[in-house]
Protein backbone atom coordinates (compact mmCIF):
# COMPACT_ATOMS: atom_id res chain seq x y z
CA MET A 1 0.00 0.00 0.00
CA THR A 2 1.41 3.39 -1.02
CA ARG A 3 1.81 6.18 1.51
CA GLU A 4 -0.86 8.26 -0.27
CA ARG A 5 -3.45 5.51 0.21
CA MET A 6 -2.64 4.81 3.85
CA ARG A 7 -4.77 6.28 6.65
CA GLN A 8 -3.42 9.37 8.35
CA LEU A 9 -3.24 9.50 12.14
CA PHE A 10 -2.12 12.70 13.87
CA ILE A 11 -1.16 12.52 17.54
CA VAL A 12 -1.00 15.97 19.14
CA ALA A 13 0.81 16.42 22.45
CA PRO A 14 1.55 19.72 24.24
CA ALA A 15 4.88 19.84 26.08
CA ARG A 16 6.12 22.43 28.55
CA ASN A 17 9.37 21.83 30.44
CA GLU A 18 9.33 18.12 29.61
CA ALA A 19 12.95 17.76 28.44
CA ALA A 20 13.59 14.96 30.94
CA SER A 21 10.59 12.85 29.91
CA ILE A 22 9.89 13.61 26.26
CA ALA A 23 12.16 10.79 25.00
CA ALA A 24 10.28 8.22 27.10
CA PHE A 25 6.97 9.57 25.78
CA VAL A 26 8.04 9.34 22.15
CA LEU A 27 9.37 5.82 22.74
CA ALA A 28 6.04 4.79 24.28
CA VAL A 29 4.14 6.21 21.31
CA SER A 30 6.45 4.56 18.77
CA ARG A 31 5.94 1.19 20.47
CA THR A 32 2.18 1.62 20.60
CA ILE A 33 1.79 2.39 16.91
CA GLN A 34 3.41 -0.97 16.09
CA ASP A 35 0.03 -2.49 16.96
CA PRO A 36 -1.29 -4.53 13.98
CA THR A 37 -4.50 -2.46 13.91
CA LEU A 38 -2.39 0.56 12.88
CA SER A 39 -0.39 -1.20 10.18
CA ASP A 40 -2.26 0.75 7.48
CA SER A 41 -1.59 4.14 9.12
CA VAL A 42 0.89 6.92 8.52
CA VAL A 43 1.44 8.50 11.95
CA GLU A 44 2.59 12.05 12.58
CA LEU A 45 3.40 12.99 16.17
CA VAL A 46 2.87 16.75 16.55
CA LEU A 47 4.70 17.94 19.66
CA VAL A 48 3.90 21.51 20.73
CA ASP A 49 6.58 23.28 22.73
CA ASP A 50 4.50 25.72 24.79
CA GLY A 51 7.20 28.24 25.69
CA SER A 52 9.39 25.84 27.69
CA THR A 53 12.17 27.33 29.78
CA ASP A 54 14.27 24.16 29.62
CA ASP A 55 15.59 22.40 26.50
CA THR A 56 12.34 20.66 25.58
CA LEU A 57 12.51 21.88 21.99
CA GLY A 58 16.12 20.72 21.63
CA ALA A 59 15.18 17.30 22.99
CA ILE A 60 12.30 17.05 20.51
CA ARG A 61 14.50 18.05 17.59
CA ASN A 62 17.18 15.52 18.52
CA LEU A 63 14.56 12.79 18.68
CA ALA A 64 13.06 13.81 15.36
CA VAL A 65 16.38 13.38 13.56
CA THR A 66 16.52 9.69 14.45
CA SER A 67 12.78 8.91 14.47
CA GLN A 68 11.77 9.57 10.87
CA THR A 69 10.41 6.43 9.18
CA PRO A 70 8.02 6.06 6.23
CA THR A 71 5.11 5.61 8.64
CA PHE A 72 6.15 7.66 11.68
CA GLN A 73 7.22 11.28 11.63
CA ILE A 74 7.73 13.86 14.37
CA VAL A 75 6.72 17.47 13.85
CA ALA A 76 7.85 20.04 16.42
CA VAL A 77 5.66 23.13 16.76
CA GLU A 78 7.48 25.95 18.51
CA LEU A 79 5.19 28.61 20.03
CA SER A 80 6.53 32.13 20.43
CA ARG A 81 5.88 32.03 24.20
CA ASN A 82 3.85 30.16 26.81
CA PHE A 83 0.19 30.46 25.81
CA GLY A 84 -1.19 27.77 28.12
CA HIS A 85 -2.26 24.15 27.79
CA GLN A 86 -5.60 24.79 26.06
CA ALA A 87 -4.01 27.10 23.47
CA ALA A 88 -1.20 24.59 22.86
CA ILE A 89 -3.80 21.93 22.02
CA HIS A 90 -5.48 24.40 19.68
CA ALA A 91 -2.14 25.14 18.01
CA GLY A 92 -1.26 21.47 17.58
CA LEU A 93 -4.64 20.62 16.05
CA THR A 94 -4.40 23.61 13.71
CA VAL A 95 -1.01 22.48 12.41
CA ALA A 96 -2.15 18.85 12.14
CA PHE A 97 -5.37 19.78 10.33
CA ASN A 98 -3.46 21.83 7.78
CA ARG A 99 -1.29 18.76 7.03
CA ALA A 100 -4.18 16.29 6.92
CA ARG A 101 -6.24 14.84 4.13
CA LYS A 102 -9.97 14.37 4.51
CA GLY A 103 -10.67 11.25 6.56
CA ALA A 104 -7.67 11.60 8.85
CA ASP A 105 -7.94 10.72 12.52
CA PHE A 106 -6.65 12.87 15.39
CA ILE A 107 -5.67 12.09 18.97
CA VAL A 108 -4.77 14.59 21.71
CA LEU A 109 -2.89 13.54 24.85
CA ASP A 110 -0.39 14.99 27.29
CA SER A 111 3.32 14.27 26.86
CA ASP A 112 4.03 13.53 30.54
CA LEU A 113 2.78 9.90 30.29
CA GLU A 114 -0.15 10.53 32.64
CA HIS A 115 -2.24 9.86 29.52
CA PRO A 116 -0.99 6.34 28.66
CA PRO A 117 -0.33 5.95 24.90
CA GLU A 118 -1.35 2.27 25.14
CA TYR A 119 -4.96 3.32 24.57
CA ILE A 120 -4.23 4.74 21.11
CA PRO A 121 -5.19 1.53 19.18
CA THR A 122 -8.50 1.40 21.11
CA ILE A 123 -9.26 5.01 20.23
CA VAL A 124 -8.41 4.52 16.56
CA GLY A 125 -10.55 1.38 16.43
CA LEU A 126 -13.58 3.28 17.72
CA LEU A 127 -13.01 6.16 15.29
CA ARG A 128 -12.82 3.79 12.36
CA SER A 129 -15.93 1.93 13.50
CA GLY A 130 -18.02 5.08 13.03
CA LYS A 131 -17.46 7.17 16.17
CA ASP A 132 -16.46 10.79 15.69
CA HIS A 133 -15.33 11.65 19.21
CA VAL A 134 -13.75 9.27 21.72
CA GLN A 135 -13.57 10.83 25.19
CA MET A 136 -11.11 9.29 27.63
CA VAL A 137 -12.48 9.35 31.18
CA ARG A 138 -10.13 9.23 34.17
CA GLN A 139 -10.87 6.44 36.63
CA GLU A 140 -10.03 6.84 40.31
CA HIS A 141 -8.80 3.82 42.25
CA ALA A 142 -7.37 3.02 45.65
CA ALA A 143 -3.75 3.39 44.54
CA SER A 144 -4.37 6.63 42.65
CA GLN A 145 -1.80 9.37 43.22
CA THR A 146 -4.44 12.07 42.69
CA PRO A 147 -4.90 14.07 45.93
CA ARG A 148 -8.29 13.50 47.53
CA ALA A 149 -9.03 17.24 47.60
CA LYS A 150 -8.34 17.51 43.86
CA SER A 151 -10.55 14.51 43.14
CA LEU A 152 -13.45 15.95 45.16
CA THR A 153 -13.22 19.41 43.62
CA SER A 154 -13.04 17.84 40.15
CA ARG A 155 -16.27 15.91 40.69
CA LEU A 156 -17.92 19.03 42.11
CA PHE A 157 -16.88 21.08 39.07
CA TYR A 158 -18.28 18.58 36.57
CA HIS A 159 -21.57 18.40 38.50
CA VAL A 160 -21.91 22.19 38.60
CA PHE A 161 -20.91 22.43 34.93
CA ARG A 162 -23.61 19.96 33.85
CA VAL A 163 -26.29 21.69 35.93
CA LEU A 164 -25.48 25.20 34.73
CA THR A 165 -24.72 24.51 31.05
CA GLY A 166 -26.83 21.49 30.18
CA ILE A 167 -23.80 19.91 28.46
CA PRO A 168 -23.40 16.27 29.63
CA LEU A 169 -19.65 16.46 30.23
CA LEU A 170 -18.68 13.26 32.03
CA ALA A 171 -16.96 13.48 35.40
CA GLY A 172 -13.28 12.71 34.92
CA SER A 173 -13.26 13.85 31.29
CA ALA A 174 -9.67 14.58 30.28
CA ASP A 175 -8.03 16.39 27.39
CA TYR A 176 -7.10 12.88 26.24
CA ARG A 177 -9.39 12.17 23.27
CA GLY A 178 -9.69 10.98 19.70
CA MET A 179 -11.51 12.89 16.96
CA SER A 180 -12.54 12.50 13.36
CA HIS A 181 -11.67 15.01 10.66
CA ALA A 182 -15.18 16.51 10.87
CA VAL A 183 -14.98 17.12 14.62
CA VAL A 184 -11.60 18.82 14.39
CA LYS A 185 -12.82 21.02 11.53
CA SER A 186 -15.86 22.07 13.59
CA PHE A 187 -13.64 22.77 16.59
CA LEU A 188 -11.24 24.93 14.58
CA ASP A 189 -14.05 26.79 12.83
CA MET A 190 -15.15 28.33 16.14
CA PRO A 191 -13.63 31.81 16.54
CA GLU A 192 -13.28 31.78 20.34
CA THR A 193 -9.84 32.58 21.73
CA ASP A 194 -10.21 31.92 25.48
CA ARG A 195 -11.15 28.26 25.13
CA PHE A 196 -12.35 25.47 27.38
CA ASN A 197 -11.60 22.64 24.97
CA ARG A 198 -13.36 19.87 26.89
CA GLY A 199 -16.65 21.72 26.71
CA LEU A 200 -16.23 22.75 23.07
CA PHE A 201 -15.63 19.18 21.89
CA TRP A 202 -18.84 18.08 23.59
CA TRP A 203 -20.77 21.12 22.37
CA VAL A 204 -20.13 20.32 18.68
CA GLY A 205 -21.97 17.01 19.06
CA PHE A 206 -21.35 14.09 16.61
CA LYS A 207 -21.28 10.41 17.57
CA ARG A 208 -19.42 9.92 20.84
CA ALA A 209 -17.94 7.10 22.85
CA ALA A 210 -16.36 7.13 26.32
CA VAL A 211 -13.40 4.96 27.30
CA PRO A 212 -12.18 4.70 30.92
CA TYR A 213 -8.46 4.91 31.56
CA VAL A 214 -6.13 4.77 34.53
CA VAL A 215 -3.78 7.70 34.97
CA GLY A 216 -0.18 6.77 34.24
CA ALA A 217 2.80 7.64 36.41
CA ARG A 218 4.74 10.78 35.62
CA ILE A 219 8.42 9.84 35.33
CA ALA A 220 9.87 13.37 35.57
CA GLY A 221 8.87 16.95 36.21
CA GLU A 222 5.74 18.11 37.94
CA THR A 223 2.16 18.93 37.01
CA LYS A 224 1.64 22.31 35.34
CA TYR A 225 -1.89 22.63 36.75
CA SER A 226 -1.69 24.46 40.07
CA TRP A 227 -4.80 25.24 42.11
CA SER A 228 -4.92 28.73 40.58
CA HIS A 229 -4.74 27.27 37.06
CA MET A 230 -7.51 24.79 37.82
CA LEU A 231 -9.68 27.55 39.31
CA TYR A 232 -9.16 29.68 36.21
CA LEU A 233 -9.97 26.74 33.92
CA ALA A 234 -13.15 26.01 35.90
CA MET A 235 -14.21 29.66 35.75
CA THR A 236 -13.50 29.77 32.01
CA GLY A 237 -15.41 26.56 31.41
CA ILE A 238 -18.57 27.63 33.21
CA THR A 239 -18.69 31.23 31.98
CA SER A 240 -17.93 30.09 28.41
CA PHE A 241 -21.03 27.93 28.21
CA SER A 242 -23.60 29.43 30.55
CA SER A 243 -24.94 32.82 31.62
CA ARG A 244 -26.96 31.23 34.42
CA PRO A 245 -24.50 32.17 37.21
CA LEU A 246 -25.03 35.82 36.30
CA PHE A 247 -28.82 35.59 36.41
CA LEU A 248 -28.82 33.38 39.51
CA THR A 249 -26.57 35.76 41.41
CA LEU A 250 -28.42 38.93 40.48
CA GLY A 251 -31.83 37.29 40.88
CA GLY A 252 -30.80 35.78 44.20
CA THR A 253 -29.53 39.14 45.42
CA VAL A 254 -32.85 40.82 44.65
CA ALA A 255 -34.86 38.00 46.25
CA MET A 256 -32.73 37.99 49.39
CA ALA A 257 -32.95 41.77 49.67
CA PHE A 258 -36.75 41.75 49.61
CA ALA A 259 -36.92 38.74 51.95
CA PHE A 260 -34.54 40.30 54.46
CA CYS A 261 -36.31 43.65 54.42
CA GLY A 262 -39.73 42.00 54.78
CA ALA A 263 -38.54 39.80 57.65
CA TYR A 264 -36.94 42.74 59.43
CA LEU A 265 -40.11 44.85 59.01
CA ALA A 266 -42.23 41.99 60.38
CA PHE A 267 -39.87 41.60 63.35
CA GLU A 268 -40.04 45.30 64.23
CA ALA A 269 -43.87 45.28 63.92
CA TYR A 270 -44.08 42.20 66.17
CA ARG A 271 -41.81 43.78 68.76
CA LEU A 272 -43.76 47.07 68.73
CA TYR A 273 -47.36 45.81 68.65
CA VAL A 274 -47.11 42.40 70.38
CA LEU A 275 -44.23 42.73 72.79
CA ARG A 276 -44.94 46.44 73.37
CA LEU A 277 -41.25 47.26 73.20
CA PRO A 278 -39.99 50.58 71.84
CA PHE A 279 -37.75 50.81 68.83
CA VAL A 280 -34.10 50.41 69.70
CA ALA A 281 -31.72 52.31 67.49
CA GLY A 282 -28.31 50.70 67.47
CA TRP A 283 -25.19 50.41 65.47
CA PRO A 284 -25.05 46.55 65.36
CA SER A 285 -28.12 46.19 63.18
CA LEU A 286 -27.07 49.08 60.96
CA LEU A 287 -23.58 47.70 60.44
CA PHE A 288 -24.95 44.22 59.79
CA VAL A 289 -27.25 45.46 57.04
CA ILE A 290 -24.54 47.56 55.42
CA THR A 291 -21.81 44.91 55.48
CA PHE A 292 -24.05 41.99 54.53
CA TRP A 293 -25.65 43.62 51.54
CA GLY A 294 -22.43 45.32 50.57
CA GLY A 295 -20.85 41.88 50.29
CA VAL A 296 -23.76 40.43 48.33
CA ILE A 297 -23.83 43.31 45.87
CA SER A 298 -20.06 43.21 45.46
CA PHE A 299 -20.21 39.49 44.66
CA GLY A 300 -22.81 40.15 41.99
CA GLN A 301 -20.66 42.91 40.52
CA LEU A 302 -17.63 40.59 40.54
CA LEU A 303 -19.50 37.96 38.56
CA LEU A 304 -20.73 40.62 36.17
CA ALA A 305 -17.15 41.82 35.74
CA ILE A 306 -16.05 38.29 34.79
CA TYR A 307 -18.56 38.19 31.94
CA VAL A 308 -17.67 41.72 30.80
CA ALA A 309 -13.98 40.73 30.83
CA ARG A 310 -14.75 37.71 28.63
CA VAL A 311 -16.64 39.92 26.17
CA PHE A 312 -13.70 42.34 26.16
CA ALA A 313 -11.23 39.52 25.49
CA GLU A 314 -13.28 38.13 22.60
CA THR A 315 -13.89 41.50 20.94
CA LYS A 316 -10.13 42.10 20.70
CA GLY A 317 -9.91 39.17 18.30
CA ARG A 318 -6.36 38.23 19.22
CA PRO A 319 -5.21 34.71 18.21
CA SER A 320 -5.03 32.17 21.01
CA PHE A 321 -1.48 31.25 19.97
CA ILE A 322 1.38 32.27 17.67
CA VAL A 323 3.67 29.68 16.11
CA ARG A 324 7.28 30.83 15.85
CA ALA A 325 8.31 27.92 13.62
CA ILE A 326 7.43 24.37 12.63
CA HIS A 327 10.31 21.89 12.51
CA GLU A 328 9.90 18.72 10.47
CA SER A 329 11.78 16.08 8.43
CA ALA A 330 15.34 14.99 9.09
CA GLN A 331 16.70 18.49 8.50
CA LEU A 332 14.16 20.06 10.88
CA GLU A 333 14.18 23.42 9.13
CA PRO A 334 11.53 26.05 10.02
CA THR A 335 8.75 25.78 7.46
CA LEU A 336 5.95 28.08 8.59
CA PRO A 337 6.98 31.01 10.80
CA ALA A 338 4.57 33.38 12.54
CA MET A 339 1.52 31.16 12.16
CA THR A 340 -1.52 32.19 14.22
CA ALA A 341 -4.84 30.66 15.21
CA THR A 342 -6.48 32.06 12.08
CA SER A 343 -3.79 30.83 9.66
CA ARG A 344 -5.44 27.62 8.56
CA GLN A 345 -7.28 26.24 5.57
């Protein structure tokens, strides 16, 4: 079978400060694609260097020199700076889509081996059986290294997300997934810049399948998702897909204001006409009212500011990433400098 007639499979993996582990990741991928079910596939591994401060790009380029085969090629995408994990995925899929023929399959996974490459044949099998989107779902177990607090907050987020947005995003959904050409095209056609990819892939629809997986062990480095990053991602995810928090907060503030005022008026009437006690003017009640409602109103304004900030960010129309260069083939020469999120077919 000629290369032109073989199926294309693009594996996209963001990498930030993974110089110590990227070789092990590429080795694991190269072993996995030897599976007989992928014998008719031409595989391109698109590694996105998301502004690493170590020698991740150099490690990728050294690997690419010795890893080129007729059916397995490494493409290094060098971003101009650190744009974040979600933008790096967007960049990798943009580059892969521009290199793909219609009918190609795409897989996204992290390069730290917490997303085990051994599931790639399973994902490809489901895509070729008619599924358009294969969502990998993280499974917790007794020996899991995931902190209990992180696990609980993750489940809480997915529950709140489903309630507020109506999108049935499964608890434990990861950025590890497989997609058909049509799904990737729909994803890239959306003009949003501040993206919550997990929600967007579910929003576009198509035929889906879910596959459970067990988180692999990281062999080097540390997670790039701090609590602040996870909080920002959660905020982005919910405000990207639902305006309900805004209406619930403002509506709740109004309802609580009327309820509090009515209850306080009833209390004063009861004390005056039933208990026959005079009005008592005092600072405690005055300060309570001022501070309580000041806090409630400020919270509503904060939530409103979040939505206004999102509108401001989208109206600027800035790309979510900028590619400094793309390195491919044995020579690894830059082939497409200054590529942005809108530079695609």
